[in-house]
Protein backbone atom coordinates (compact mmCIF):
# COMPACT_ATOMS: atom_id res chain seq x y z
CA GLY A 1 -33.17 -32.82 4.69
CA SER A 2 -36.87 -33.34 5.65
CA LEU A 3 -39.58 -34.78 3.22
CA ASP A 4 -41.40 -31.73 2.89
CA GLU A 5 -38.28 -29.82 1.39
CA THR A 6 -37.64 -32.42 -1.35
CA LEU A 7 -38.05 -31.66 -5.10
CA GLU A 8 -39.96 -34.05 -7.14
CA LEU A 9 -38.95 -34.65 -10.89
CA ARG A 10 -39.48 -37.00 -13.30
CA GLY A 11 -41.11 -39.34 -10.66
CA LEU A 12 -38.11 -39.21 -8.33
CA ARG A 13 -37.45 -37.24 -5.17
CA TYR A 14 -34.36 -35.05 -4.66
CA HIS A 15 -32.67 -33.37 -1.68
CA PRO A 16 -32.31 -29.78 -2.49
CA ILE A 17 -29.05 -29.75 -0.25
CA ASP A 18 -27.21 -32.34 -2.36
CA ILE A 19 -27.70 -30.72 -5.71
CA GLU A 20 -26.56 -27.40 -3.97
CA THR A 21 -23.65 -28.96 -2.63
CA SER A 22 -22.65 -30.30 -6.04
CA VAL A 23 -23.34 -27.01 -7.46
CA SER A 24 -21.15 -24.99 -5.04
CA ARG A 25 -18.18 -27.45 -5.52
CA ALA A 26 -18.39 -26.86 -9.62
CA HIS A 27 -16.35 -23.48 -9.26
CA ARG A 28 -14.48 -21.58 -6.91
CA SER A 29 -16.45 -18.31 -7.93
CA ILE A 30 -19.94 -20.07 -6.85
CA GLY A 31 -20.67 -18.89 -3.39
CA GLU A 32 -24.14 -19.92 -1.92
CA SER A 33 -26.64 -21.67 -4.40
CA ALA A 34 -30.37 -22.55 -4.29
CA VAL A 35 -32.68 -25.02 -6.39
CA PHE A 36 -36.10 -25.27 -6.76
CA THR A 37 -38.71 -26.49 -9.74
CA TRP A 38 -40.60 -24.28 -11.90
CA THR A 39 -43.08 -26.08 -14.34
CA ASN A 40 -41.19 -29.34 -14.50
CA LEU A 41 -37.75 -27.45 -14.86
CA LEU A 42 -34.94 -27.48 -12.27
CA VAL A 43 -33.42 -23.99 -11.59
CA VAL A 44 -30.34 -23.35 -10.17
CA VAL A 45 -29.34 -19.90 -8.57
CA ALA A 46 -25.93 -19.56 -7.89
CA GLU A 47 -24.34 -16.61 -6.25
CA LEU A 48 -21.21 -15.33 -8.39
CA CYS A 49 -18.38 -14.44 -5.62
CA GLY A 50 -16.00 -13.50 -8.38
CA SER A 51 -15.36 -11.66 -11.43
CA GLU A 52 -18.44 -11.05 -13.65
CA GLN A 53 -16.14 -12.23 -16.32
CA ASP A 54 -16.75 -15.99 -14.93
CA ALA A 55 -20.58 -15.70 -14.92
CA LEU A 56 -20.98 -17.37 -18.48
CA ASP A 57 -18.24 -20.22 -17.40
CA LEU A 58 -20.42 -21.10 -14.47
CA VAL A 59 -23.65 -22.00 -16.85
CA PRO A 60 -21.81 -25.46 -18.35
CA LEU A 61 -20.21 -26.32 -15.18
CA VAL A 62 -23.43 -26.40 -13.33
CA THR A 63 -25.00 -27.99 -16.07
CA ASN A 64 -22.32 -30.61 -16.33
CA VAL A 65 -22.14 -31.32 -12.53
CA VAL A 66 -25.95 -31.86 -11.83
CA LEU A 67 -26.25 -33.96 -14.86
CA GLU A 68 -23.12 -36.18 -13.84
CA GLU A 69 -23.94 -36.18 -10.03
CA HIS A 70 -27.65 -36.48 -9.97
CA HIS A 71 -28.49 -37.34 -13.37
CA LEU A 72 -30.95 -34.30 -13.87
CA ILE A 73 -31.18 -31.64 -16.86
CA VAL A 74 -31.02 -28.15 -15.26
CA GLY A 75 -33.70 -26.19 -17.08
CA VAL A 76 -32.52 -22.78 -16.00
CA VAL A 77 -29.31 -21.55 -14.54
CA VAL A 78 -29.66 -17.75 -12.80
CA ILE A 79 -26.31 -16.22 -11.86
CA VAL A 80 -26.81 -13.40 -9.28
CA ASP A 81 -24.69 -11.18 -6.91
CA PRO A 82 -23.63 -12.49 -3.60
CA GLY A 83 -26.37 -12.15 -0.74
CA VAL A 84 -29.62 -12.64 -3.16
CA ILE A 85 -30.60 -15.93 -1.84
CA PRO A 86 -32.92 -15.48 1.17
CA ILE A 87 -31.74 -17.07 4.45
CA ASN A 88 -33.62 -16.88 7.42
CA SER A 89 -32.27 -16.14 10.88
CA ARG A 90 -31.61 -19.79 11.74
CA GLY A 91 -29.48 -19.92 8.64
CA GLU A 92 -31.83 -21.92 6.32
CA LYS A 93 -32.36 -21.02 2.78
CA GLN A 94 -35.73 -19.67 1.78
CA ARG A 95 -36.30 -21.38 -1.80
CA MET A 96 -39.87 -20.71 -1.57
CA HIS A 97 -39.12 -16.98 -1.54
CA LEU A 98 -36.28 -17.47 -4.02
CA ARG A 99 -38.83 -19.00 -6.52
CA ASP A 100 -41.37 -15.95 -5.81
CA SER A 101 -38.77 -13.41 -6.44
CA PHE A 102 -37.79 -15.38 -9.78
CA LEU A 103 -41.38 -15.86 -11.08
CA ALA A 104 -42.07 -12.10 -10.19
CA ASP A 105 -38.95 -11.19 -12.08
CA GLN A 106 -37.54 -9.49 -9.04
CA LEU A 107 -33.90 -10.97 -8.92
CA ASP A 108 -31.85 -8.85 -10.96
CA PRO A 109 -29.63 -11.43 -12.24
CA ILE A 110 -26.16 -10.81 -13.63
CA TYR A 111 -27.40 -13.82 -16.33
CA VAL A 112 -29.94 -16.16 -17.10
CA ALA A 113 -29.95 -19.17 -19.49
CA TYR A 114 -32.59 -21.33 -20.46
CA ASN A 115 -31.33 -24.76 -21.40
C-alpha cells in the first residue's frame, strides 16, 4: 500500500491491508474488513457474512489475530452487515468515509465492542 494510507500507532507504521487480511482470515463469517485509527485506538470494522449468532464470537477472534500477527491491541471492534464498508468504483476501500460514518454514529452496527 502507499505511504499516505499507513496507520501510525505507538510510533510504528502499519499498512491497513495487512491487518485487514489477518482479520478476514480469522473466521469464515467475516467478509470484508477495514481498519482506521480513532484517538490513538485501532478500530476494526468487520462485515458479518454469516449468522448474527456469530457476531459475539468474532470479537475475541479479531482481537487475538491482530494481537498475535501484528502485536497491536484493538481498541474497538465493530461488526456490521455486508456492504457497509464503502468501496469506490476502482474497488478501493474508503476508510476515511467509514471513519466519518463511525464518528457520526451512522453505521447501524450489529455489535460494537470497546476493549
